Protein backbone atom coordinates (compact mmCIF):
# COMPACT_ATOMS: atom_id res chain seq x y z
CA MET A 1 6.82 -8.44 -41.82
CA ASN A 2 9.27 -8.17 -38.93
CA SER A 3 9.66 -9.71 -35.68
CA ARG A 4 11.62 -10.58 -32.79
CA PHE A 5 12.70 -13.70 -30.61
CA ARG A 6 13.29 -12.66 -27.59
CA ARG A 7 14.89 -13.88 -24.79
CA ARG A 8 16.18 -12.90 -21.20
CA TRP A 9 17.51 -14.24 -17.87
CA ALA A 10 15.37 -14.02 -14.73
CA LYS A 11 16.18 -14.58 -11.15
CA VAL A 12 13.90 -16.91 -9.85
CA ALA A 13 14.15 -18.31 -6.14
CA GLY A 14 17.90 -16.62 -5.92
CA VAL A 15 18.56 -19.23 -9.15
CA ALA A 16 18.72 -17.63 -13.27
CA LEU A 17 16.32 -19.38 -15.26
CA VAL A 18 15.48 -19.25 -18.95
CA LEU A 19 12.44 -17.08 -19.91
CA VAL A 20 11.81 -17.58 -23.69
CA ALA A 21 8.84 -15.37 -25.50
CA GLY A 22 8.63 -14.67 -29.09
CA VAL A 23 6.00 -14.69 -32.39
CA GLY A 24 7.62 -16.40 -35.39
CA CYS A 25 6.51 -14.44 -38.47
CA GLY A 26 7.70 -14.15 -42.04
CA ASP A 27 7.01 -14.86 -45.98
CA ASP A 28 5.36 -17.92 -46.54
CA GLY A 29 6.60 -21.39 -47.72
CA SER A 30 6.43 -25.04 -48.55
CA SER A 31 7.75 -27.97 -46.63
CA SER A 32 10.74 -29.72 -47.16
CA THR A 33 12.49 -32.59 -46.31
CA ALA A 34 15.77 -34.33 -46.84
CA GLY A 35 18.25 -37.15 -45.89
CA ASP A 36 17.24 -40.11 -43.80
CA THR A 37 14.02 -38.16 -42.67
CA SER A 38 10.30 -38.47 -43.50
CA ALA A 39 7.52 -35.72 -42.87
CA THR A 40 3.74 -36.36 -42.78
CA THR A 41 1.20 -34.54 -41.55
CA ALA A 42 -1.65 -36.13 -39.76
CA PRO A 43 -4.96 -34.63 -38.13
CA SER A 44 -5.21 -33.41 -34.64
CA THR A 45 -7.37 -31.19 -32.31
CA SER A 46 -6.03 -28.05 -31.02
CA ALA A 47 -6.60 -27.14 -27.84
CA SER A 48 -9.60 -24.68 -28.48
CA GLY A 49 -11.21 -28.24 -30.28
CA ALA A 50 -10.15 -27.25 -33.93
CA ALA A 51 -9.02 -29.71 -36.28
CA THR A 52 -4.96 -28.84 -37.77
CA THR A 53 -3.03 -31.02 -39.35
CA THR A 54 0.28 -32.15 -37.05
CA PRO A 55 3.80 -32.67 -38.80
CA SER A 56 4.84 -36.25 -38.01
CA VAL A 57 8.44 -36.14 -38.23
CA VAL A 58 10.27 -39.28 -37.82
CA GLY A 59 14.45 -39.17 -37.91
CA THR A 60 16.57 -41.68 -37.15
CA SER A 61 20.20 -40.36 -35.30
CA PRO A 62 21.41 -37.72 -37.37
CA SER A 63 24.58 -37.50 -39.08
CA SER A 64 27.55 -34.43 -38.26
CA ALA A 65 26.91 -34.00 -42.30
CA ASP A 66 23.51 -33.09 -41.66
CA THR A 67 23.72 -30.96 -38.07
CA GLY A 68 26.02 -28.73 -36.91
CA THR A 69 27.05 -27.69 -33.59
CA GLY A 70 25.95 -26.88 -30.19
CA ALA A 71 22.00 -27.50 -29.44
CA CYS A 72 21.99 -27.69 -33.56
CA LYS A 73 23.39 -31.33 -33.21
CA TYR A 74 20.19 -32.52 -32.46
CA VAL A 75 18.10 -31.78 -35.22
CA THR A 76 18.35 -31.27 -39.44
CA THR A 77 17.47 -28.90 -41.30
CA ALA A 78 14.99 -30.89 -42.72
CA GLU A 79 12.94 -31.91 -39.03
CA ALA A 80 13.11 -28.02 -38.34
CA SER A 81 11.33 -27.42 -41.95
CA ALA A 82 8.89 -30.19 -41.77
CA LEU A 83 7.98 -28.87 -38.05
CA ALA A 84 7.48 -25.43 -38.68
CA THR A 85 6.05 -26.52 -42.64
CA SER A 86 8.27 -23.77 -44.49
CA PRO A 87 11.44 -24.17 -45.83
CA VAL A 88 14.00 -22.74 -43.03
CA LYS A 89 17.92 -21.67 -42.99
CA PRO A 90 20.59 -24.04 -41.06
CA GLY A 91 20.42 -23.94 -37.73
CA VAL A 92 22.45 -21.33 -36.11
CA ALA A 93 24.09 -22.35 -32.89
CA ARG A 94 24.43 -19.88 -29.66
CA SER A 95 25.14 -20.15 -25.98
CA LEU A 96 24.35 -18.34 -23.05
CA THR A 97 26.90 -19.27 -20.02
CA SER A 98 27.08 -16.54 -17.97
CA GLY A 99 24.36 -17.76 -15.43
CA PRO A 100 24.54 -20.87 -12.87
CA VAL A 101 22.15 -22.49 -15.40
CA PRO A 102 24.06 -22.70 -19.09
CA PHE A 103 21.82 -23.29 -21.86
CA GLU A 104 22.78 -23.93 -25.97
CA TYR A 105 20.44 -23.04 -28.43
CA CYS A 106 19.73 -23.19 -32.06
CA ASP A 107 18.06 -21.28 -34.40
CA PHE A 108 16.23 -22.64 -37.03
CA ILE A 109 15.46 -18.86 -39.15
CA PHE A 110 12.15 -19.33 -42.21
CA ASP A 111 13.78 -18.81 -45.56
CA PRO A 112 12.91 -16.57 -46.87
CA GLY A 113 11.98 -14.91 -43.80
CA ASN A 114 14.08 -13.39 -40.26
CA ALA A 115 12.09 -14.91 -37.88
CA PRO A 116 12.36 -18.17 -36.13
CA GLY A 117 10.54 -21.27 -37.31
CA VAL A 118 12.29 -23.73 -34.65
CA THR A 119 14.00 -22.33 -31.66
CA ILE A 120 15.87 -25.16 -29.18
CA GLY A 121 17.23 -24.22 -26.43
CA VAL A 122 18.99 -27.22 -23.95
CA ALA A 123 20.07 -26.63 -20.65
CA ASP A 124 22.39 -28.55 -18.04
CA LEU A 125 20.83 -29.31 -14.83
CA THR A 126 23.40 -31.27 -13.96
CA GLY A 127 22.74 -32.39 -10.05
CA ASN A 128 19.57 -29.95 -9.22
CA GLY A 129 17.42 -31.01 -12.28
CA PRO A 130 13.85 -31.69 -10.54
CA ALA A 131 13.95 -28.57 -8.06
CA LEU A 132 15.69 -25.94 -10.91
CA PHE A 133 12.74 -26.98 -13.42
CA GLU A 134 10.16 -26.89 -10.60
CA GLN A 135 11.36 -23.47 -9.59
CA PHE A 136 10.80 -22.25 -12.90
CA ARG A 137 7.57 -23.81 -13.34
CA GLN A 138 6.31 -22.12 -10.52
CA SER A 139 7.58 -18.99 -11.85
CA GLU A 140 5.59 -19.47 -14.57
CA MET A 141 2.81 -21.13 -13.40
CA SER A 142 0.42 -17.68 -13.69
CA GLY A 143 0.63 -17.59 -17.18
CA SER A 144 -2.99 -17.62 -18.60
CA ASP A 145 -2.35 -20.29 -21.20
CA TYR A 146 -0.41 -22.36 -18.56
CA GLN A 147 -0.90 -26.07 -19.19
CA GLU A 148 0.77 -29.62 -17.73
CA VAL A 149 1.50 -31.42 -20.64
CA SER A 150 1.77 -35.20 -20.51
CA GLY A 151 3.51 -37.40 -22.18
CA VAL A 152 7.10 -36.10 -23.32
CA GLY A 153 10.34 -36.22 -20.68
CA ASP A 154 9.96 -36.92 -16.88
CA GLU A 155 7.96 -33.90 -16.85
CA ALA A 156 6.24 -30.63 -18.86
CA PHE A 157 4.89 -27.75 -18.96
CA PHE A 158 3.73 -24.73 -22.08
CA VAL A 159 3.32 -21.70 -21.23
CA GLY A 160 3.32 -18.80 -23.74
CA THR A 161 4.67 -19.96 -26.74
CA ASN A 162 7.37 -22.62 -25.28
CA LEU A 163 7.11 -26.32 -23.95
CA ASN A 164 9.00 -26.36 -21.37
CA VAL A 165 10.64 -30.12 -20.75
CA ARG A 166 12.91 -31.85 -18.22
CA GLN A 167 14.67 -35.28 -18.25
CA GLY A 168 16.79 -36.41 -15.63
CA ASP A 169 18.80 -33.00 -15.45
CA ALA A 170 18.64 -31.82 -18.98
CA GLY A 171 16.16 -28.88 -19.40
CA LEU A 172 14.21 -28.20 -22.51
CA ILE A 173 12.77 -24.83 -24.10
CA LEU A 174 10.91 -25.79 -26.93
CA TYR A 175 9.66 -22.85 -29.90
CA VAL A 176 7.99 -23.92 -33.44
CA GLY A 177 6.51 -21.33 -35.48
CA ARG A 178 4.61 -21.04 -38.49
CA ALA A 179 5.55 -18.43 -41.53
CA THR A 180 2.13 -16.46 -41.62
CA GLY A 181 3.21 -15.02 -38.08
CA ASN A 182 -0.05 -16.22 -36.33
CA PRO A 183 0.51 -16.35 -32.41
CA ARG A 184 -0.24 -20.53 -32.42
CA GLY A 185 -0.55 -20.67 -28.22
CA PRO A 186 -0.92 -24.14 -27.26
CA ASP A 187 -2.11 -25.04 -30.74
CA ALA A 188 1.91 -24.99 -31.34
CA ILE A 189 2.08 -27.84 -28.71
CA PRO A 190 2.32 -31.22 -30.68
CA ASP A 191 4.73 -29.79 -33.02
CA GLU A 192 6.90 -28.64 -30.20
CA LYS A 193 6.16 -32.25 -28.39
CA ALA A 194 7.22 -34.00 -31.80
CA LEU A 195 10.24 -31.67 -31.65
CA ALA A 196 10.75 -32.91 -28.26
CA ALA A 197 10.65 -36.37 -29.15
CA LEU A 198 13.33 -35.98 -31.52
CA ILE A 199 15.58 -34.26 -29.33
CA LEU A 200 15.48 -36.29 -26.16
CA PRO A 201 16.79 -39.62 -27.08
CA ARG A 202 20.05 -37.71 -28.86
CA LEU A 203 20.78 -36.13 -25.66
């Protein structure tokens, strides 16, 4: 099944901020790990109360041989594959620098497939991180699945398909999908928190 992972800039209180929407959809596959990363699964409870299996990804700081450039330097392919519970291709870096808030992205596409398994957005909010993040939060609070998320970064919230995190003057927009293509909603929060836990110490 084909799908698109779409991003657009939106004006929020006069500041360009990223809105991310998308649902991954592709072929099923088995998880894989390599290098200095180990992956296990542990039972957890989803937002709906149903039992789920959440990957636990434990990694040390990745070497340059394991990662790419841009935002791809923060996560290895093996770590992304473990979080998505299916093989993914090496990350592809891209940048959005046209607005006042520059973003670096990395997309790990399912292998086989053409949908994102993991996408990372890293923003430089230098000098005004809390205010910019709050403006973005205010623009997203009307979402029916909006919720505050504790235990990650200085502050975080989930809406749509993404966990949005601020730590200091760095902002993250994180997505972890499944090859089945089913919309995950808040069930993705534990995986996206695990992704944030990998990235934040490496910023």
